[in-house]
Amino acid sequence: MLTSYSKPLHIGLSNIEKPPRIALESHSRVEDLTGILLAARSGATKTKIMNESSLTSSQVEQYLSFLQQSDILRKQEGSEVFIPTKKGAGLIGDYERIYKTID
């Protein structure tokens, strides 16, 4: 997840603040899975999930396979749309409670 700059930017190269280091590091598996769950909370295609989670096609494929095998996401019958299962919806709720507590 990208974070915002801590100080305003000023004209001139010597005054430009760099973004926090975390913005430059790759996501953890938990962050990736959370991003996919949040993208699919109301239903999402693989393309929408890729765009909202900033993951590659192969990463999304691997995560979607894992999430389906774990009964966290499922594909809607007759479509290419992924939606959370009851278990997945519970995990989204847990994430939201944790986020509200630490934010």
C-alpha atoms as a PDB file:
ATOM      1  CA  MET A   1       0.000   0.000   0.000  1.00  0.00           C
ATOM      2  CA  LEU A   2       1.426   3.395  -0.923  1.00  0.00           C
ATOM      3  CA  THR A   3       1.626   5.992   1.787  1.00  0.00           C
ATOM      4  CA  SER A   4       1.477   9.745   1.369  1.00  0.00           C
ATOM      5  CA  TYR A   5       4.433  12.082   1.626  1.00  0.00           C
ATOM      6  CA  SER A   6       5.201  13.235   5.137  1.00  0.00           C
ATOM      7  CA  LYS A   7       6.184  16.802   4.131  1.00  0.00           C
ATOM      8  CA  PRO A   8       5.105  19.058   1.280  1.00  0.00           C
ATOM      9  CA  LEU A   9       7.303  19.195  -1.803  1.00  0.00           C
ATOM     10  CA  HIS A  10       9.190  22.419  -2.514  1.00  0.00           C
ATOM     11  CA  ILE A  11      10.625  23.699  -5.776  1.00  0.00           C
ATOM     12  CA  GLY A  12      14.241  22.631  -6.179  1.00  0.00           C
ATOM     13  CA  LEU A  13      15.762  19.177  -6.049  1.00  0.00           C
ATOM     14  CA  SER A  14      17.469  19.631  -2.704  1.00  0.00           C
ATOM     15  CA  ASN A  15      14.132  20.198  -0.943  1.00  0.00           C
ATOM     16  CA  ILE A  16      12.239  17.191  -2.331  1.00  0.00           C
ATOM     17  CA  GLU A  17      11.252  14.709   0.346  1.00  0.00           C
ATOM     18  CA  LYS A  18      11.416  11.047  -0.616  1.00  0.00           C
ATOM     19  CA  PRO A  19       8.389   8.864   0.088  1.00  0.00           C
ATOM     20  CA  PRO A  20       8.674   6.567   3.107  1.00  0.00           C
ATOM     21  CA  ARG A  21      10.669   3.417   2.388  1.00  0.00           C
ATOM     22  CA  ILE A  22       7.639   1.168   2.790  1.00  0.00           C
ATOM     23  CA  ALA A  23       6.194   2.637  -0.421  1.00  0.00           C
ATOM     24  CA  LEU A  24       9.179   1.209  -2.299  1.00  0.00           C
ATOM     25  CA  GLU A  25       9.034  -2.312  -0.891  1.00  0.00           C
ATOM     26  CA  SER A  26       6.987  -5.165  -2.281  1.00  0.00           C
ATOM     27  CA  HIS A  27       3.770  -6.176  -0.567  1.00  0.00           C
ATOM     28  CA  SER A  28       3.604  -9.015   1.899  1.00  0.00           C
ATOM     29  CA  ARG A  29       1.460 -12.030   1.167  1.00  0.00           C
ATOM     30  CA  VAL A  30      -1.094 -10.871   3.747  1.00  0.00           C
ATOM     31  CA  GLU A  31      -1.312  -7.426   2.115  1.00  0.00           C
ATOM     32  CA  ASP A  32      -1.728  -9.042  -1.313  1.00  0.00           C
ATOM     33  CA  LEU A  33      -4.481 -11.371  -0.104  1.00  0.00           C
ATOM     34  CA  THR A  34      -6.235  -8.537   1.733  1.00  0.00           C
ATOM     35  CA  GLY A  35      -6.091  -6.378  -1.398  1.00  0.00           C
ATOM     36  CA  ILE A  36      -7.696  -9.154  -3.433  1.00  0.00           C
ATOM     37  CA  LEU A  37     -10.426  -9.725  -0.853  1.00  0.00           C
ATOM     38  CA  LEU A  38     -11.235  -6.028  -0.678  1.00  0.00           C
ATOM     39  CA  ALA A  39     -11.287  -5.716  -4.470  1.00  0.00           C
ATOM     40  CA  ALA A  40     -13.697  -8.663  -4.694  1.00  0.00           C
ATOM     41  CA  ARG A  41     -15.937  -7.704  -1.771  1.00  0.00           C
ATOM     42  CA  SER A  42     -18.826  -6.737  -4.107  1.00  0.00           C
ATOM     43  CA  GLY A  43     -17.753  -9.041  -6.912  1.00  0.00           C
ATOM     44  CA  ALA A  44     -14.832  -8.546  -9.286  1.00  0.00           C
ATOM     45  CA  THR A  45     -13.301 -10.019 -12.398  1.00  0.00           C
ATOM     46  CA  LYS A  46      -9.663 -11.050 -12.496  1.00  0.00           C
ATOM     47  CA  THR A  47      -8.868  -7.846 -14.413  1.00  0.00           C
ATOM     48  CA  LYS A  48     -10.517  -5.639 -11.781  1.00  0.00           C
ATOM     49  CA  ILE A  49      -8.663  -7.510  -9.037  1.00  0.00           C
ATOM     50  CA  MET A  50      -5.344  -7.041 -10.885  1.00  0.00           C
ATOM     51  CA  ASN A  51      -5.966  -3.308 -11.322  1.00  0.00           C
ATOM     52  CA  GLU A  52      -7.066  -2.661  -7.748  1.00  0.00           C
ATOM     53  CA  SER A  53      -4.405  -4.798  -6.075  1.00  0.00           C
ATOM     54  CA  SER A  54      -1.463  -3.844  -8.338  1.00  0.00           C
ATOM     55  CA  LEU A  55      -0.509  -7.479  -8.867  1.00  0.00           C
ATOM     56  CA  THR A  56       0.550  -9.289 -12.032  1.00  0.00           C
ATOM     57  CA  SER A  57      -1.675 -11.751 -13.837  1.00  0.00           C
ATOM     58  CA  SER A  58       0.341 -14.736 -12.627  1.00  0.00           C
ATOM     59  CA  GLN A  59       0.302 -13.499  -9.014  1.00  0.00           C
ATOM     60  CA  VAL A  60      -3.465 -13.016  -9.123  1.00  0.00           C
ATOM     61  CA  GLU A  61      -3.920 -16.485 -10.655  1.00  0.00           C
ATOM     62  CA  GLN A  62      -1.919 -18.079  -7.832  1.00  0.00           C
ATOM     63  CA  TYR A  63      -3.727 -16.127  -5.116  1.00  0.00           C
ATOM     64  CA  LEU A  64      -7.175 -16.785  -6.627  1.00  0.00           C
ATOM     65  CA  SER A  65      -6.413 -20.501  -6.734  1.00  0.00           C
ATOM     66  CA  PHE A  66      -5.316 -20.434  -3.080  1.00  0.00           C
ATOM     67  CA  LEU A  67      -8.349 -18.379  -1.998  1.00  0.00           C
ATOM     68  CA  GLN A  68     -10.768 -20.697  -3.819  1.00  0.00           C
ATOM     69  CA  GLN A  69      -9.144 -23.833  -2.379  1.00  0.00           C
ATOM     70  CA  SER A  70      -9.333 -22.242   1.081  1.00  0.00           C
ATOM     71  CA  ASP A  71     -13.064 -21.488   0.630  1.00  0.00           C
ATOM     72  CA  ILE A  72     -12.459 -17.731   0.964  1.00  0.00           C
ATOM     73  CA  LEU A  73     -13.437 -16.675  -2.569  1.00  0.00           C
ATOM     74  CA  ARG A  74     -15.597 -18.388  -5.150  1.00  0.00           C
ATOM     75  CA  LYS A  75     -16.455 -17.766  -8.769  1.00  0.00           C
ATOM     76  CA  GLN A  76     -20.110 -16.908  -9.414  1.00  0.00           C
ATOM     77  CA  GLU A  77     -21.848 -19.563 -11.469  1.00  0.00           C
ATOM     78  CA  GLY A  78     -21.911 -18.771 -15.171  1.00  0.00           C
ATOM     79  CA  SER A  79     -19.574 -15.765 -14.935  1.00  0.00           C
ATOM     80  CA  GLU A  80     -15.987 -14.719 -14.433  1.00  0.00           C
ATOM     81  CA  VAL A  81     -16.805 -12.752 -11.278  1.00  0.00           C
ATOM     82  CA  PHE A  82     -15.199 -13.662  -7.953  1.00  0.00           C
ATOM     83  CA  ILE A  83     -17.046 -13.024  -4.704  1.00  0.00           C
ATOM     84  CA  PRO A  84     -16.185 -13.711  -1.057  1.00  0.00           C
ATOM     85  CA  THR A  85     -17.668 -16.756   0.635  1.00  0.00           C
ATOM     86  CA  LYS A  86     -19.077 -16.467   4.150  1.00  0.00           C
ATOM     87  CA  LYS A  87     -15.575 -17.228   5.435  1.00  0.00           C
ATOM     88  CA  GLY A  88     -14.118 -14.512   3.168  1.00  0.00           C
ATOM     89  CA  ALA A  89     -16.715 -11.971   4.288  1.00  0.00           C
ATOM     90  CA  GLY A  90     -15.762 -12.764   7.886  1.00  0.00           C
ATOM     91  CA  LEU A  91     -12.090 -12.103   7.111  1.00  0.00           C
ATOM     92  CA  ILE A  92     -12.991  -8.750   5.513  1.00  0.00           C
ATOM     93  CA  GLY A  93     -14.904  -7.850   8.691  1.00  0.00           C
ATOM     94  CA  ASP A  94     -11.934  -8.864  10.844  1.00  0.00           C
ATOM     95  CA  TYR A  95      -9.622  -6.726   8.703  1.00  0.00           C
ATOM     96  CA  GLU A  96     -11.922  -3.708   9.001  1.00  0.00           C
ATOM     97  CA  ARG A  97     -12.110  -4.052  12.800  1.00  0.00           C
ATOM     98  CA  ILE A  98      -8.323  -4.291  13.095  1.00  0.00           C
ATOM     99  CA  TYR A  99      -7.801  -1.355  10.722  1.00  0.00           C
ATOM    100  CA  LYS A 100     -10.248   0.836  12.709  1.00  0.00           C
ATOM    101  CA  THR A 101      -8.479  -0.081  15.945  1.00  0.00           C
ATOM    102  CA  ILE A 102      -4.988   0.857  14.776  1.00  0.00           C
ATOM    103  CA  ASP A 103      -5.841   3.782  12.499  1.00  0.00           C
END
